[in-house]
Amino acid sequence: MFRRFIQCLPILVAVSLLSLSIVTISNEFQAHNPADILHYISNLTTTRKFGVIALTSLGYLIMTGHDFLGFYYIN
């Protein structure tokens, strides 16, 4: 019984963290109207939108590269 609980523990932790993140995000955006957010995004220039997408992609590329290096090091 205890061994089965230990096997399910990572799933329980992942679901708990997902639930916590959803609650946190909903609390953060509670003060903002979704229409205001969409209006703000629509007013951004195309250059700024591409810059945001490029920097986000670069961040993900760096994180993925770091993970690959870690797995390469572990073998």
PDB file of N, CA and C in Angstrom:
ATOM      1  N   MET A   1       0.832  -1.203   0.000  1.00  0.00           N
ATOM      2  CA  MET A   1       0.000   0.000   0.000  1.00  0.00           C
ATOM      3  C   MET A   1       0.868   1.255   0.000  1.00  0.00           C
ATOM      4  N   PHE A   2       1.892   1.275   0.866  1.00  0.00           N
ATOM      5  CA  PHE A   2       2.782   2.425   0.947  1.00  0.00           C
ATOM      6  C   PHE A   2       3.575   2.584  -0.346  1.00  0.00           C
ATOM      7  N   ARG A   3       3.977   1.453  -0.923  1.00  0.00           N
ATOM      8  CA  ARG A   3       4.735   1.491  -2.184  1.00  0.00           C
ATOM      9  C   ARG A   3       3.874   2.072  -3.311  1.00  0.00           C
ATOM     10  N   ARG A   4       2.615   1.729  -3.323  1.00  0.00           N
ATOM     11  CA  ARG A   4       1.697   2.258  -4.336  1.00  0.00           C
ATOM     12  C   ARG A   4       1.536   3.772  -4.175  1.00  0.00           C
ATOM     13  N   PHE A   5       1.472   4.230  -2.923  1.00  0.00           N
ATOM     14  CA  PHE A   5       1.374   5.662  -2.655  1.00  0.00           C
ATOM     15  C   PHE A   5       2.622   6.389  -3.149  1.00  0.00           C
ATOM     16  N   ILE A   6       3.779   5.795  -2.918  1.00  0.00           N
ATOM     17  CA  ILE A   6       5.041   6.390  -3.365  1.00  0.00           C
ATOM     18  C   ILE A   6       5.071   6.484  -4.891  1.00  0.00           C
ATOM     19  N   GLN A   7       4.518   5.501  -5.583  1.00  0.00           N
ATOM     20  CA  GLN A   7       4.489   5.529  -7.039  1.00  0.00           C
ATOM     21  C   GLN A   7       3.560   6.624  -7.556  1.00  0.00           C
ATOM     22  N   CYS A   8       2.492   6.914  -6.840  1.00  0.00           N
ATOM     23  CA  CYS A   8       1.525   7.941  -7.261  1.00  0.00           C
ATOM     24  C   CYS A   8       1.905   9.339  -6.783  1.00  0.00           C
ATOM     25  N   LEU A   9       2.911   9.434  -5.934  1.00  0.00           N
ATOM     26  CA  LEU A   9       3.293  10.722  -5.357  1.00  0.00           C
ATOM     27  C   LEU A   9       3.681  11.771  -6.402  1.00  0.00           C
ATOM     28  N   PRO A  10       4.480  11.447  -7.431  1.00  0.00           N
ATOM     29  CA  PRO A  10       4.799  12.489  -8.429  1.00  0.00           C
ATOM     30  C   PRO A  10       3.561  13.030  -9.149  1.00  0.00           C
ATOM     31  N   ILE A  11       2.600  12.171  -9.419  1.00  0.00           N
ATOM     32  CA  ILE A  11       1.369  12.622 -10.078  1.00  0.00           C
ATOM     33  C   ILE A  11       0.591  13.555  -9.153  1.00  0.00           C
ATOM     34  N   LEU A  12       0.511  13.205  -7.891  1.00  0.00           N
ATOM     35  CA  LEU A  12      -0.201  14.044  -6.927  1.00  0.00           C
ATOM     36  C   LEU A  12       0.471  15.404  -6.773  1.00  0.00           C
ATOM     37  N   VAL A  13       1.792  15.418  -6.755  1.00  0.00           N
ATOM     38  CA  VAL A  13       2.522  16.683  -6.641  1.00  0.00           C
ATOM     39  C   VAL A  13       2.288  17.535  -7.888  1.00  0.00           C
ATOM     40  N   ALA A  14       2.327  16.926  -9.068  1.00  0.00           N
ATOM     41  CA  ALA A  14       2.115  17.672 -10.315  1.00  0.00           C
ATOM     42  C   ALA A  14       0.711  18.262 -10.366  1.00  0.00           C
ATOM     43  N   VAL A  15      -0.290  17.491  -9.997  1.00  0.00           N
ATOM     44  CA  VAL A  15      -1.671  17.988 -10.007  1.00  0.00           C
ATOM     45  C   VAL A  15      -1.841  19.099  -8.975  1.00  0.00           C
ATOM     46  N   SER A  16      -1.216  18.951  -7.821  1.00  0.00           N
ATOM     47  CA  SER A  16      -1.295  19.990  -6.788  1.00  0.00           C
ATOM     48  C   SER A  16      -0.655  21.289  -7.266  1.00  0.00           C
ATOM     49  N   LEU A  17       0.515  21.200  -7.901  1.00  0.00           N
ATOM     50  CA  LEU A  17       1.175  22.401  -8.404  1.00  0.00           C
ATOM     51  C   LEU A  17       0.379  23.055  -9.528  1.00  0.00           C
ATOM     52  N   LEU A  18      -0.217  22.247 -10.394  1.00  0.00           N
ATOM     53  CA  LEU A  18      -1.057  22.796 -11.463  1.00  0.00           C
ATOM     54  C   LEU A  18      -2.254  23.529 -10.870  1.00  0.00           C
ATOM     55  N   SER A  19      -2.895  22.931  -9.881  1.00  0.00           N
ATOM     56  CA  SER A  19      -4.049  23.574  -9.235  1.00  0.00           C
ATOM     57  C   SER A  19      -3.634  24.876  -8.561  1.00  0.00           C
ATOM     58  N   LEU A  20      -2.506  24.860  -7.889  1.00  0.00           N
ATOM     59  CA  LEU A  20      -2.016  26.063  -7.222  1.00  0.00           C
ATOM     60  C   LEU A  20      -1.707  27.166  -8.229  1.00  0.00           C
ATOM     61  N   SER A  21      -1.123  26.801  -9.358  1.00  0.00           N
ATOM     62  CA  SER A  21      -0.802  27.819 -10.368  1.00  0.00           C
ATOM     63  C   SER A  21      -2.069  28.403 -10.987  1.00  0.00           C
ATOM     64  N   ILE A  22      -3.078  27.572 -11.214  1.00  0.00           N
ATOM     65  CA  ILE A  22      -4.339  28.075 -11.771  1.00  0.00           C
ATOM     66  C   ILE A  22      -5.011  29.042 -10.798  1.00  0.00           C
ATOM     67  N   VAL A  23      -5.018  28.706  -9.527  1.00  0.00           N
ATOM     68  CA  VAL A  23      -5.617  29.582  -8.520  1.00  0.00           C
ATOM     69  C   VAL A  23      -4.842  30.895  -8.436  1.00  0.00           C
ATOM     70  N   THR A  24      -3.519  30.817  -8.479  1.00  0.00           N
ATOM     71  CA  THR A  24      -2.691  32.015  -8.395  1.00  0.00           C
ATOM     72  C   THR A  24      -2.914  32.928  -9.600  1.00  0.00           C
ATOM     73  N   ILE A  25      -2.952  32.346 -10.791  1.00  0.00           N
ATOM     74  CA  ILE A  25      -3.166  33.151 -11.996  1.00  0.00           C
ATOM     75  C   ILE A  25      -4.559  33.782 -11.986  1.00  0.00           C
ATOM     76  N   SER A  26      -5.559  33.029 -11.573  1.00  0.00           N
ATOM     77  CA  SER A  26      -6.911  33.602 -11.537  1.00  0.00           C
ATOM     78  C   SER A  26      -7.005  34.731 -10.514  1.00  0.00           C
ATOM     79  N   ASN A  27      -6.283  34.618  -9.396  1.00  0.00           N
ATOM     80  CA  ASN A  27      -6.289  35.700  -8.406  1.00  0.00           C
ATOM     81  C   ASN A  27      -5.564  36.936  -8.925  1.00  0.00           C
ATOM     82  N   GLU A  28      -4.504  36.743  -9.689  1.00  0.00           N
ATOM     83  CA  GLU A  28      -3.757  37.874 -10.231  1.00  0.00           C
ATOM     84  C   GLU A  28      -4.573  38.644 -11.267  1.00  0.00           C
ATOM     85  N   PHE A  29      -5.328  37.922 -12.095  1.00  0.00           N
ATOM     86  CA  PHE A  29      -6.085  38.568 -13.158  1.00  0.00           C
ATOM     87  C   PHE A  29      -7.495  38.971 -12.729  1.00  0.00           C
ATOM     88  N   GLN A  30      -7.830  38.777 -11.475  1.00  0.00           N
ATOM     89  CA  GLN A  30      -9.168  39.105 -11.007  1.00  0.00           C
ATOM     90  C   GLN A  30      -9.434  40.613 -11.082  1.00  0.00           C
ATOM     91  N   ALA A  31      -8.405  41.419 -10.890  1.00  0.00           N
ATOM     92  CA  ALA A  31      -8.577  42.867 -10.897  1.00  0.00           C
ATOM     93  C   ALA A  31      -8.603  43.445 -12.303  1.00  0.00           C
ATOM     94  N   HIS A  32      -8.292  42.627 -13.319  1.00  0.00           N
ATOM     95  CA  HIS A  32      -8.218  43.124 -14.696  1.00  0.00           C
ATOM     96  C   HIS A  32      -9.343  42.526 -15.533  1.00  0.00           C
ATOM     97  N   ASN A  33      -9.914  43.357 -16.353  1.00  0.00           N
ATOM     98  CA  ASN A  33     -10.962  42.935 -17.259  1.00  0.00           C
ATOM     99  C   ASN A  33     -10.308  42.304 -18.497  1.00  0.00           C
ATOM    100  N   PRO A  34     -10.772  41.108 -18.935  1.00  0.00           N
ATOM    101  CA  PRO A  34     -10.162  40.488 -20.129  1.00  0.00           C
ATOM    102  C   PRO A  34     -10.239  41.378 -21.372  1.00  0.00           C
ATOM    103  N   ALA A  35     -11.271  42.173 -21.495  1.00  0.00           N
ATOM    104  CA  ALA A  35     -11.382  43.077 -22.645  1.00  0.00           C
ATOM    105  C   ALA A  35     -10.279  44.135 -22.610  1.00  0.00           C
ATOM    106  N   ASP A  36      -9.918  44.605 -21.418  1.00  0.00           N
ATOM    107  CA  ASP A  36      -8.832  45.579 -21.298  1.00  0.00           C
ATOM    108  C   ASP A  36      -7.495  44.972 -21.711  1.00  0.00           C
ATOM    109  N   ILE A  37      -7.282  43.724 -21.350  1.00  0.00           N
ATOM    110  CA  ILE A  37      -6.038  43.039 -21.710  1.00  0.00           C
ATOM    111  C   ILE A  37      -5.955  42.879 -23.226  1.00  0.00           C
ATOM    112  N   LEU A  38      -7.046  42.451 -23.853  1.00  0.00           N
ATOM    113  CA  LEU A  38      -7.053  42.306 -25.306  1.00  0.00           C
ATOM    114  C   LEU A  38      -6.887  43.651 -25.999  1.00  0.00           C
ATOM    115  N   HIS A  39      -7.485  44.692 -25.442  1.00  0.00           N
ATOM    116  CA  HIS A  39      -7.329  46.034 -26.010  1.00  0.00           C
ATOM    117  C   HIS A  39      -5.868  46.485 -25.936  1.00  0.00           C
ATOM    118  N   TYR A  40      -5.210  46.232 -24.820  1.00  0.00           N
ATOM    119  CA  TYR A  40      -3.801  46.598 -24.663  1.00  0.00           C
ATOM    120  C   TYR A  40      -2.930  45.837 -25.669  1.00  0.00           C
ATOM    121  N   ILE A  41      -3.190  44.546 -25.819  1.00  0.00           N
ATOM    122  CA  ILE A  41      -2.396  43.742 -26.761  1.00  0.00           C
ATOM    123  C   ILE A  41      -2.623  44.207 -28.193  1.00  0.00           C
ATOM    124  N   SER A  42      -3.855  44.564 -28.529  1.00  0.00           N
ATOM    125  CA  SER A  42      -4.137  45.015 -29.898  1.00  0.00           C
ATOM    126  C   SER A  42      -3.491  46.358 -30.204  1.00  0.00           C
ATOM    127  N   ASN A  43      -3.193  47.148 -29.175  1.00  0.00           N
ATOM    128  CA  ASN A  43      -2.558  48.450 -29.384  1.00  0.00           C
ATOM    129  C   ASN A  43      -1.041  48.368 -29.483  1.00  0.00           C
ATOM    130  N   LEU A  44      -0.450  47.203 -29.237  1.00  0.00           N
ATOM    131  CA  LEU A  44       0.994  47.062 -29.366  1.00  0.00           C
ATOM    132  C   LEU A  44       1.398  47.098 -30.833  1.00  0.00           C
ATOM    133  N   THR A  45       2.555  47.672 -31.090  1.00  0.00           N
ATOM    134  CA  THR A  45       3.048  47.715 -32.468  1.00  0.00           C
ATOM    135  C   THR A  45       3.502  46.320 -32.893  1.00  0.00           C
ATOM    136  N   THR A  46       3.527  46.113 -34.201  1.00  0.00           N
ATOM    137  CA  THR A  46       3.941  44.814 -34.737  1.00  0.00           C
ATOM    138  C   THR A  46       5.382  44.512 -34.355  1.00  0.00           C
ATOM    139  N   THR A  47       6.233  45.523 -34.367  1.00  0.00           N
ATOM    140  CA  THR A  47       7.637  45.342 -34.002  1.00  0.00           C
ATOM    141  C   THR A  47       7.759  44.852 -32.559  1.00  0.00           C
ATOM    142  N   ARG A  48       6.984  45.435 -31.684  1.00  0.00           N
ATOM    143  CA  ARG A  48       7.047  45.046 -30.274  1.00  0.00           C
ATOM    144  C   ARG A  48       6.513  43.619 -30.080  1.00  0.00           C
ATOM    145  N   LYS A  49       5.458  43.262 -30.823  1.00  0.00           N
ATOM    146  CA  LYS A  49       4.922  41.897 -30.741  1.00  0.00           C
ATOM    147  C   LYS A  49       5.958  40.882 -31.203  1.00  0.00           C
ATOM    148  N   PHE A  50       6.632  41.179 -32.324  1.00  0.00           N
ATOM    149  CA  PHE A  50       7.679  40.273 -32.802  1.00  0.00           C
ATOM    150  C   PHE A  50       8.838  40.198 -31.815  1.00  0.00           C
ATOM    151  N   GLY A  51       9.153  41.323 -31.179  1.00  0.00           N
ATOM    152  CA  GLY A  51      10.216  41.331 -30.175  1.00  0.00           C
ATOM    153  C   GLY A  51       9.871  40.454 -28.980  1.00  0.00           C
ATOM    154  N   VAL A  52       8.637  40.550 -28.539  1.00  0.00           N
ATOM    155  CA  VAL A  52       8.193  39.716 -27.403  1.00  0.00           C
ATOM    156  C   VAL A  52       8.248  38.243 -27.775  1.00  0.00           C
ATOM    157  N   ILE A  53       7.780  37.914 -28.972  1.00  0.00           N
ATOM    158  CA  ILE A  53       7.803  36.513 -29.421  1.00  0.00           C
ATOM    159  C   ILE A  53       9.238  36.028 -29.555  1.00  0.00           C
ATOM    160  N   ALA A  54      10.131  36.873 -30.094  1.00  0.00           N
ATOM    161  CA  ALA A  54      11.533  36.483 -30.273  1.00  0.00           C
ATOM    162  C   ALA A  54      12.220  36.267 -28.927  1.00  0.00           C
ATOM    163  N   LEU A  55      12.003  37.163 -27.974  1.00  0.00           N
ATOM    164  CA  LEU A  55      12.644  37.014 -26.669  1.00  0.00           C
ATOM    165  C   LEU A  55      12.096  35.803 -25.903  1.00  0.00           C
ATOM    166  N   THR A  56      10.800  35.563 -26.030  1.00  0.00           N
ATOM    167  CA  THR A  56      10.219  34.377 -25.389  1.00  0.00           C
ATOM    168  C   THR A  56      10.786  33.110 -26.002  1.00  0.00           C
ATOM    169  N   SER A  57      10.898  33.087 -27.323  1.00  0.00           N
ATOM    170  CA  SER A  57      11.469  31.924 -28.003  1.00  0.00           C
ATOM    171  C   SER A  57      12.921  31.718 -27.603  1.00  0.00           C
ATOM    172  N   LEU A  58      13.676  32.802 -27.493  1.00  0.00           N
ATOM    173  CA  LEU A  58      15.064  32.698 -27.065  1.00  0.00           C
ATOM    174  C   LEU A  58      15.166  32.131 -25.652  1.00  0.00           C
ATOM    175  N   GLY A  59      14.286  32.564 -24.772  1.00  0.00           N
ATOM    176  CA  GLY A  59      14.280  32.030 -23.408  1.00  0.00           C
ATOM    177  C   GLY A  59      14.001  30.542 -23.381  1.00  0.00           C
ATOM    178  N   TYR A  60      13.018  30.100 -24.160  1.00  0.00           N
ATOM    179  CA  TYR A  60      12.712  28.672 -24.221  1.00  0.00           C
ATOM    180  C   TYR A  60      13.853  27.893 -24.856  1.00  0.00           C
ATOM    181  N   LEU A  61      14.502  28.467 -25.862  1.00  0.00           N
ATOM    182  CA  LEU A  61      15.639  27.809 -26.494  1.00  0.00           C
ATOM    183  C   LEU A  61      16.788  27.640 -25.506  1.00  0.00           C
ATOM    184  N   ILE A  62      17.038  28.650 -24.705  1.00  0.00           N
ATOM    185  CA  ILE A  62      18.092  28.561 -23.696  1.00  0.00           C
ATOM    186  C   ILE A  62      17.747  27.502 -22.656  1.00  0.00           C
ATOM    187  N   MET A  63      16.498  27.479 -22.194  1.00  0.00           N
ATOM    188  CA  MET A  63      16.105  26.465 -21.202  1.00  0.00           C
ATOM    189  C   MET A  63      16.217  25.059 -21.777  1.00  0.00           C
ATOM    190  N   THR A  64      15.793  24.878 -23.033  1.00  0.00           N
ATOM    191  CA  THR A  64      15.874  23.570 -23.677  1.00  0.00           C
ATOM    192  C   THR A  64      17.320  23.160 -23.870  1.00  0.00           C
ATOM    193  N   GLY A  65      18.169  24.098 -24.283  1.00  0.00           N
ATOM    194  CA  GLY A  65      19.594  23.806 -24.425  1.00  0.00           C
ATOM    195  C   GLY A  65      20.224  23.416 -23.103  1.00  0.00           C
ATOM    196  N   HIS A  66      19.826  24.088 -22.051  1.00  0.00           N
ATOM    197  CA  HIS A  66      20.338  23.750 -20.718  1.00  0.00           C
ATOM    198  C   HIS A  66      19.922  22.336 -20.324  1.00  0.00           C
ATOM    199  N   ASP A  67      18.687  21.966 -20.617  1.00  0.00           N
ATOM    200  CA  ASP A  67      18.219  20.612 -20.326  1.00  0.00           C
ATOM    201  C   ASP A  67      18.991  19.576 -21.137  1.00  0.00           C
ATOM    202  N   PHE A  68      19.204  19.856 -22.428  1.00  0.00           N
ATOM    203  CA  PHE A  68      19.964  18.918 -23.261  1.00  0.00           C
ATOM    204  C   PHE A  68      21.396  18.749 -22.745  1.00  0.00           C
ATOM    205  N   LEU A  69      22.014  19.846 -22.338  1.00  0.00           N
ATOM    206  CA  LEU A  69      23.360  19.731 -21.786  1.00  0.00           C
ATOM    207  C   LEU A  69      23.366  18.908 -20.505  1.00  0.00           C
ATOM    208  N   GLY A  70      22.339  19.085 -19.680  1.00  0.00           N
ATOM    209  CA  GLY A  70      22.246  18.292 -18.455  1.00  0.00           C
ATOM    210  C   GLY A  70      22.096  16.810 -18.758  1.00  0.00           C
ATOM    211  N   PHE A  71      21.223  16.472 -19.723  1.00  0.00           N
ATOM    212  CA  PHE A  71      21.062  15.065 -20.088  1.00  0.00           C
ATOM    213  C   PHE A  71      22.316  14.513 -20.740  1.00  0.00           C
ATOM    214  N   TYR A  72      23.031  15.329 -21.513  1.00  0.00           N
ATOM    215  CA  TYR A  72      24.282  14.887 -22.130  1.00  0.00           C
ATOM    216  C   TYR A  72      25.322  14.605 -21.054  1.00  0.00           C
ATOM    217  N   TYR A  73      25.374  15.458 -20.043  1.00  0.00           N
ATOM    218  CA  TYR A  73      26.318  15.280 -18.951  1.00  0.00           C
ATOM    219  C   TYR A  73      26.012  14.012 -18.150  1.00  0.00           C
ATOM    220  N   ILE A  74      24.717  13.755 -17.935  1.00  0.00           N
ATOM    221  CA  ILE A  74      24.314  12.560 -17.197  1.00  0.00           C
ATOM    222  C   ILE A  74      24.560  11.314 -18.026  1.00  0.00           C
ATOM    223  N   ASN A  75      24.464  11.458 -19.348  1.00  0.00           N
ATOM    224  CA  ASN A  75      24.626  10.388 -20.325  1.00  0.00           C
ATOM    225  C   ASN A  75      23.351   9.599 -20.399  1.00  0.00           C
TER     226      ASN A  75
END
